[in-house]
Amino acid sequence: MPALFRCRIFWLSVCYPKNIKIKIYRTVIFPVVLCGCETWSLKLREERRLSVFENRVMRRIFGPKRDEVTGEWRKVHSEELNDLYTSPNIVRVIKSRKMRLAVHVSRMG
């Protein structure tokens, strides 16, 4: 995770469109984070940490938002991130992969 945030210049840059940043996240970072997730025993604490990680990445990609009332810049709220980033969240992906593995194992044995 720290290596991701060392690339701060890329994530905060306005030179790269948001869709490119999301593609890089989905094709490079997401698979690395999920490596071996089918065998994890996912507890609520880990689910929260993964959600926080994903929200931090999405906040870096989408950047701050100007408040319509005050005109000040603020962080994008989690609900707004869910609307902006329509792909399934990381915890859902892990749970679906675990279910897929369980189905596969039950068919084999």
Protein backbone atom coordinates (compact mmCIF):
# COMPACT_ATOMS: atom_id res chain seq x y z
CA MET A 1 0.00 0.00 0.00
CA PRO A 2 2.71 2.60 0.76
CA ALA A 3 4.16 2.20 -2.75
CA LEU A 4 0.81 3.24 -4.19
CA PHE A 5 0.88 6.52 -2.35
CA ARG A 6 4.49 7.19 -3.29
CA CYS A 7 3.18 7.70 -6.82
CA ARG A 8 1.35 10.73 -5.48
CA ILE A 9 2.31 12.90 -8.44
CA PHE A 10 0.51 10.56 -10.82
CA TRP A 11 -2.64 10.18 -8.71
CA LEU A 12 -2.97 13.90 -8.03
CA SER A 13 -2.03 15.04 -11.52
CA VAL A 14 -4.71 16.61 -13.67
CA CYS A 15 -2.74 15.69 -16.80
CA TYR A 16 -4.09 12.13 -16.72
CA PRO A 17 -7.82 11.59 -17.12
CA LYS A 18 -9.74 9.86 -14.33
CA ASN A 19 -10.67 6.93 -16.57
CA ILE A 20 -6.96 6.17 -17.17
CA LYS A 21 -6.26 6.30 -13.43
CA ILE A 22 -9.18 3.94 -12.78
CA LYS A 23 -7.93 1.53 -15.46
CA ILE A 24 -4.48 1.50 -13.86
CA TYR A 25 -6.05 0.87 -10.47
CA ARG A 26 -8.21 -1.97 -11.83
CA THR A 27 -5.47 -3.66 -13.87
CA VAL A 28 -2.38 -3.18 -11.68
CA ILE A 29 -3.23 -2.39 -8.07
CA PHE A 30 -6.52 -4.25 -7.59
CA PRO A 31 -5.15 -7.68 -8.63
CA VAL A 32 -2.09 -7.27 -6.39
CA VAL A 33 -4.24 -6.41 -3.39
CA LEU A 34 -6.55 -9.36 -4.08
CA CYS A 35 -3.80 -11.91 -4.64
CA GLY A 36 -4.85 -15.05 -2.78
CA CYS A 37 -7.99 -13.49 -1.32
CA GLU A 38 -9.93 -16.72 -1.83
CA THR A 39 -8.09 -18.24 1.12
CA TRP A 40 -8.36 -15.28 3.50
CA SER A 41 -10.53 -15.50 6.58
CA LEU A 42 -11.97 -12.03 6.23
CA LYS A 43 -12.96 -10.43 9.50
CA LEU A 44 -14.86 -7.20 9.93
CA ARG A 45 -11.63 -5.34 10.74
CA GLU A 46 -10.00 -6.45 7.48
CA GLU A 47 -13.15 -5.59 5.53
CA ARG A 48 -13.05 -2.07 6.94
CA ARG A 49 -9.34 -1.68 6.23
CA LEU A 50 -9.81 -2.79 2.62
CA SER A 51 -12.75 -0.42 2.19
CA VAL A 52 -10.71 2.44 3.65
CA PHE A 53 -7.85 1.60 1.28
CA GLU A 54 -10.15 1.59 -1.72
CA ASN A 55 -11.82 4.85 -0.67
CA ARG A 56 -8.42 6.50 -0.24
CA VAL A 57 -7.42 5.46 -3.74
CA MET A 58 -10.72 6.68 -5.19
CA ARG A 59 -10.40 10.00 -3.33
CA ARG A 60 -6.98 10.44 -4.89
CA ILE A 61 -8.36 9.67 -8.33
CA PHE A 62 -11.48 11.82 -8.15
CA GLY A 63 -9.88 14.60 -6.11
CA PRO A 64 -11.65 17.15 -3.93
CA LYS A 65 -15.06 18.57 -4.65
CA ARG A 66 -16.20 22.16 -4.33
CA ASP A 67 -19.06 22.57 -1.87
CA GLU A 68 -22.01 24.25 -3.60
CA VAL A 69 -23.08 26.17 -0.50
CA THR A 70 -19.79 27.48 0.89
CA GLY A 71 -17.67 27.30 -2.25
CA GLU A 72 -14.87 25.63 -0.30
CA TRP A 73 -13.03 22.49 -1.35
CA ARG A 74 -13.76 19.32 0.60
CA LYS A 75 -13.09 15.60 0.48
CA VAL A 76 -15.56 13.48 -1.46
CA HIS A 77 -17.76 11.47 0.92
CA SER A 78 -17.92 7.68 0.73
CA GLU A 79 -21.49 7.72 -0.63
CA GLU A 80 -20.42 10.07 -3.40
CA LEU A 81 -17.49 7.79 -4.22
CA ASN A 82 -19.89 4.87 -4.56
CA ASP A 83 -21.89 6.91 -7.08
CA LEU A 84 -18.78 7.98 -9.01
CA TYR A 85 -17.10 4.57 -9.03
CA THR A 86 -19.71 2.07 -10.12
CA SER A 87 -17.57 -1.09 -10.07
CA PRO A 88 -18.18 -3.49 -7.18
CA ASN A 89 -16.23 -2.62 -4.07
CA ILE A 90 -13.21 -4.64 -3.02
CA VAL A 91 -14.99 -6.52 -0.20
CA ARG A 92 -17.76 -7.69 -2.56
CA VAL A 93 -15.19 -8.93 -5.05
CA ILE A 94 -13.37 -10.89 -2.34
CA LYS A 95 -16.59 -12.48 -1.10
CA SER A 96 -17.68 -13.42 -4.62
CA ARG A 97 -14.28 -14.98 -5.34
CA LYS A 98 -14.48 -16.97 -2.12
CA MET A 99 -17.95 -18.19 -3.08
CA ARG A 100 -16.74 -19.11 -6.56
CA LEU A 101 -13.87 -21.10 -5.03
CA ALA A 102 -16.24 -22.85 -2.62
CA VAL A 103 -18.54 -23.86 -5.49
CA HIS A 104 -15.58 -25.08 -7.52
CA VAL A 105 -14.21 -27.14 -4.62
CA SER A 106 -17.64 -28.66 -3.87
CA ARG A 107 -17.98 -29.76 -7.52
CA MET A 108 -14.58 -31.42 -7.42
CA GLY A 109 -15.12 -33.38 -4.24
